[in-house]
Amino acid sequence: MSARDSFVARFGEENATAIEKAARGHWDGDMGGVHHDDDFGSEPFRYWFLLAIGFECVTRYREDHGIQAAVEEMQDWAKFDGNLAAHDGAIPDYLAMMIGAYNDWISPDSETASSDVPS
């Protein structure tokens, strides 16, 4: 099952679409095309979700974007079912990574988390 399908099964199509829409809004608008050549990886939903984390779309501004899923439940999904640590594309927001914004979303037991995400 893809990461997106797993998210939809747990949180519904509306929440998945809201996350993608929020992330794409920043990607198209705020970032001014800087990342338009990024590699989305084999699971593009992971890329969009990581971008949404960086812009706080799934935390501070989730209600503004129409995201109804609880933050803690999405973090649980991201660590396990969504396996964000397995993202094999470009990192959409290096600043978010450097300040630790992804830490609560990546399983501490993952090999990727321990080598790629600062603690």
C-alpha atoms as a PDB file:
ATOM      1  CA  MET A   1       0.000   0.000   0.000  1.00  0.00           C
ATOM      2  CA  SER A   2       1.368   3.414  -0.893  1.00  0.00           C
ATOM      3  CA  ALA A   3       1.969   6.057   1.764  1.00  0.00           C
ATOM      4  CA  ARG A   4      -0.919   8.102   0.379  1.00  0.00           C
ATOM      5  CA  ASP A   5      -3.297   5.129   0.346  1.00  0.00           C
ATOM      6  CA  SER A   6      -2.294   4.342   3.922  1.00  0.00           C
ATOM      7  CA  PHE A   7      -2.960   7.946   4.968  1.00  0.00           C
ATOM      8  CA  VAL A   8      -6.331   7.977   3.201  1.00  0.00           C
ATOM      9  CA  ALA A   9      -7.323   4.697   4.867  1.00  0.00           C
ATOM     10  CA  ARG A  10      -6.617   6.185   8.277  1.00  0.00           C
ATOM     11  CA  PHE A  11      -7.585   9.866   7.879  1.00  0.00           C
ATOM     12  CA  GLY A  12      -9.736  10.118   4.756  1.00  0.00           C
ATOM     13  CA  GLU A  13      -9.330  11.540   1.268  1.00  0.00           C
ATOM     14  CA  GLU A  14     -10.291  15.032   2.440  1.00  0.00           C
ATOM     15  CA  ASN A  15      -7.303  15.270   4.787  1.00  0.00           C
ATOM     16  CA  ALA A  16      -4.877  13.857   2.199  1.00  0.00           C
ATOM     17  CA  THR A  17      -6.093  16.334  -0.414  1.00  0.00           C
ATOM     18  CA  ALA A  18      -5.908  19.224   2.074  1.00  0.00           C
ATOM     19  CA  ILE A  19      -2.274  18.387   2.891  1.00  0.00           C
ATOM     20  CA  GLU A  20      -1.319  18.157  -0.784  1.00  0.00           C
ATOM     21  CA  LYS A  21      -3.129  21.410  -1.574  1.00  0.00           C
ATOM     22  CA  ALA A  22      -1.461  23.245   1.320  1.00  0.00           C
ATOM     23  CA  ALA A  23       2.001  21.977   0.393  1.00  0.00           C
ATOM     24  CA  ARG A  24       1.543  22.713  -3.316  1.00  0.00           C
ATOM     25  CA  GLY A  25       0.382  26.228  -2.441  1.00  0.00           C
ATOM     26  CA  HIS A  26       3.701  26.902  -0.736  1.00  0.00           C
ATOM     27  CA  TRP A  27       5.641  25.084  -3.447  1.00  0.00           C
ATOM     28  CA  ASP A  28       4.031  27.182  -6.195  1.00  0.00           C
ATOM     29  CA  GLY A  29       3.750  30.440  -4.274  1.00  0.00           C
ATOM     30  CA  ASP A  30       6.068  31.061  -1.341  1.00  0.00           C
ATOM     31  CA  MET A  31       9.002  29.133  -2.702  1.00  0.00           C
ATOM     32  CA  GLY A  32       8.905  30.865  -6.084  1.00  0.00           C
ATOM     33  CA  GLY A  33       9.794  27.809  -8.118  1.00  0.00           C
ATOM     34  CA  VAL A  34      12.993  27.090  -6.190  1.00  0.00           C
ATOM     35  CA  HIS A  35      12.114  23.412  -5.831  1.00  0.00           C
ATOM     36  CA  HIS A  36      10.355  22.830  -9.136  1.00  0.00           C
ATOM     37  CA  ASP A  37      13.087  20.446 -10.258  1.00  0.00           C
ATOM     38  CA  ASP A  38      13.035  18.411  -7.032  1.00  0.00           C
ATOM     39  CA  ASP A  39      12.897  14.633  -7.152  1.00  0.00           C
ATOM     40  CA  PHE A  40       9.633  13.676  -5.418  1.00  0.00           C
ATOM     41  CA  GLY A  41      10.865  10.153  -4.824  1.00  0.00           C
ATOM     42  CA  SER A  42       8.966   6.943  -5.307  1.00  0.00           C
ATOM     43  CA  GLU A  43       6.167   8.125  -2.973  1.00  0.00           C
ATOM     44  CA  PRO A  44       5.322  11.758  -3.833  1.00  0.00           C
ATOM     45  CA  PHE A  45       2.875  12.027  -0.922  1.00  0.00           C
ATOM     46  CA  ARG A  46       5.835  11.755   1.450  1.00  0.00           C
ATOM     47  CA  TYR A  47       7.451  14.755  -0.269  1.00  0.00           C
ATOM     48  CA  TRP A  48       4.256  16.809   0.045  1.00  0.00           C
ATOM     49  CA  PHE A  49       3.808  15.737   3.666  1.00  0.00           C
ATOM     50  CA  LEU A  50       7.386  16.725   4.539  1.00  0.00           C
ATOM     51  CA  LEU A  51       6.862  20.093   2.877  1.00  0.00           C
ATOM     52  CA  ALA A  52       3.619  20.542   4.843  1.00  0.00           C
ATOM     53  CA  ILE A  53       5.508  19.800   8.070  1.00  0.00           C
ATOM     54  CA  GLY A  54       8.136  22.407   7.220  1.00  0.00           C
ATOM     55  CA  PHE A  55       5.521  25.105   6.627  1.00  0.00           C
ATOM     56  CA  GLU A  56       3.585  24.004   9.740  1.00  0.00           C
ATOM     57  CA  CYS A  57       0.538  23.165   7.614  1.00  0.00           C
ATOM     58  CA  VAL A  58      -0.087  19.983   9.625  1.00  0.00           C
ATOM     59  CA  THR A  59       0.506  21.614  13.013  1.00  0.00           C
ATOM     60  CA  ARG A  60       0.075  25.330  13.700  1.00  0.00           C
ATOM     61  CA  TYR A  61      -1.935  26.097  10.548  1.00  0.00           C
ATOM     62  CA  ARG A  62      -3.733  22.787  10.010  1.00  0.00           C
ATOM     63  CA  GLU A  63      -7.199  24.175  10.663  1.00  0.00           C
ATOM     64  CA  ASP A  64      -6.522  27.061   8.239  1.00  0.00           C
ATOM     65  CA  HIS A  65      -5.836  24.429   5.582  1.00  0.00           C
ATOM     66  CA  GLY A  66      -8.868  22.294   6.461  1.00  0.00           C
ATOM     67  CA  ILE A  67      -6.819  19.455   7.938  1.00  0.00           C
ATOM     68  CA  GLN A  68      -8.942  17.811  10.616  1.00  0.00           C
ATOM     69  CA  ALA A  69      -6.686  14.919  11.635  1.00  0.00           C
ATOM     70  CA  ALA A  70      -5.086  15.211  15.076  1.00  0.00           C
ATOM     71  CA  VAL A  71      -1.383  16.084  15.082  1.00  0.00           C
ATOM     72  CA  GLU A  72      -0.435  13.204  17.403  1.00  0.00           C
ATOM     73  CA  GLU A  73      -2.262  10.676  15.230  1.00  0.00           C
ATOM     74  CA  MET A  74      -0.583  12.005  12.082  1.00  0.00           C
ATOM     75  CA  GLN A  75       2.801  11.792  13.834  1.00  0.00           C
ATOM     76  CA  ASP A  76       2.095   8.165  14.677  1.00  0.00           C
ATOM     77  CA  TRP A  77       1.155   7.492  11.047  1.00  0.00           C
ATOM     78  CA  ALA A  78       4.262   9.300   9.782  1.00  0.00           C
ATOM     79  CA  LYS A  79       6.609   7.259  11.978  1.00  0.00           C
ATOM     80  CA  PHE A  80       5.130   3.876  11.224  1.00  0.00           C
ATOM     81  CA  ASP A  81       2.548   3.390   8.449  1.00  0.00           C
ATOM     82  CA  GLY A  82       3.709   6.391   6.411  1.00  0.00           C
ATOM     83  CA  ASN A  83       7.378   5.711   7.164  1.00  0.00           C
ATOM     84  CA  LEU A  84       8.557   9.229   6.324  1.00  0.00           C
ATOM     85  CA  ALA A  85      12.103   8.137   7.138  1.00  0.00           C
ATOM     86  CA  ALA A  86      12.010   6.051   3.948  1.00  0.00           C
ATOM     87  CA  HIS A  87      11.499   9.128   1.721  1.00  0.00           C
ATOM     88  CA  ASP A  88      13.880   8.603  -1.189  1.00  0.00           C
ATOM     89  CA  GLY A  89      13.498  11.933  -2.947  1.00  0.00           C
ATOM     90  CA  ALA A  90      14.743  15.451  -2.344  1.00  0.00           C
ATOM     91  CA  ILE A  91      14.302  17.040   1.066  1.00  0.00           C
ATOM     92  CA  PRO A  92      11.719  19.770   0.425  1.00  0.00           C
ATOM     93  CA  ASP A  93      12.724  21.994   3.340  1.00  0.00           C
ATOM     94  CA  TYR A  94      16.324  21.856   4.567  1.00  0.00           C
ATOM     95  CA  LEU A  95      15.756  24.629   7.090  1.00  0.00           C
ATOM     96  CA  ALA A  96      12.947  22.602   8.696  1.00  0.00           C
ATOM     97  CA  MET A  97      15.268  19.609   8.831  1.00  0.00           C
ATOM     98  CA  MET A  98      18.107  21.641  10.371  1.00  0.00           C
ATOM     99  CA  ILE A  99      15.936  23.074  13.149  1.00  0.00           C
ATOM    100  CA  GLY A 100      14.496  19.651  13.990  1.00  0.00           C
ATOM    101  CA  ALA A 101      10.966  20.167  12.652  1.00  0.00           C
ATOM    102  CA  TYR A 102      10.911  16.588  11.333  1.00  0.00           C
ATOM    103  CA  ASN A 103      12.103  14.951  14.555  1.00  0.00           C
ATOM    104  CA  ASP A 104       8.619  14.217  15.935  1.00  0.00           C
ATOM    105  CA  TRP A 105       7.575  12.769  12.579  1.00  0.00           C
ATOM    106  CA  ILE A 106      10.425  10.329  11.944  1.00  0.00           C
ATOM    107  CA  SER A 107      10.778   7.130  13.929  1.00  0.00           C
ATOM    108  CA  PRO A 108      13.845   7.344  16.192  1.00  0.00           C
ATOM    109  CA  ASP A 109      14.471   3.660  15.461  1.00  0.00           C
ATOM    110  CA  SER A 110      14.883   4.185  11.733  1.00  0.00           C
ATOM    111  CA  GLU A 111      18.321   4.044  10.199  1.00  0.00           C
ATOM    112  CA  THR A 112      17.519   7.127   8.107  1.00  0.00           C
ATOM    113  CA  ALA A 113      16.390   9.112  11.119  1.00  0.00           C
ATOM    114  CA  SER A 114      19.591   8.521  13.012  1.00  0.00           C
ATOM    115  CA  SER A 115      21.823   9.432  10.084  1.00  0.00           C
ATOM    116  CA  ASP A 116      19.908  12.190   8.304  1.00  0.00           C
ATOM    117  CA  VAL A 117      17.862  14.072  10.867  1.00  0.00           C
ATOM    118  CA  PRO A 118      19.646  16.132  13.493  1.00  0.00           C
ATOM    119  CA  SER A 119      18.650  15.409  17.065  1.00  0.00           C
END
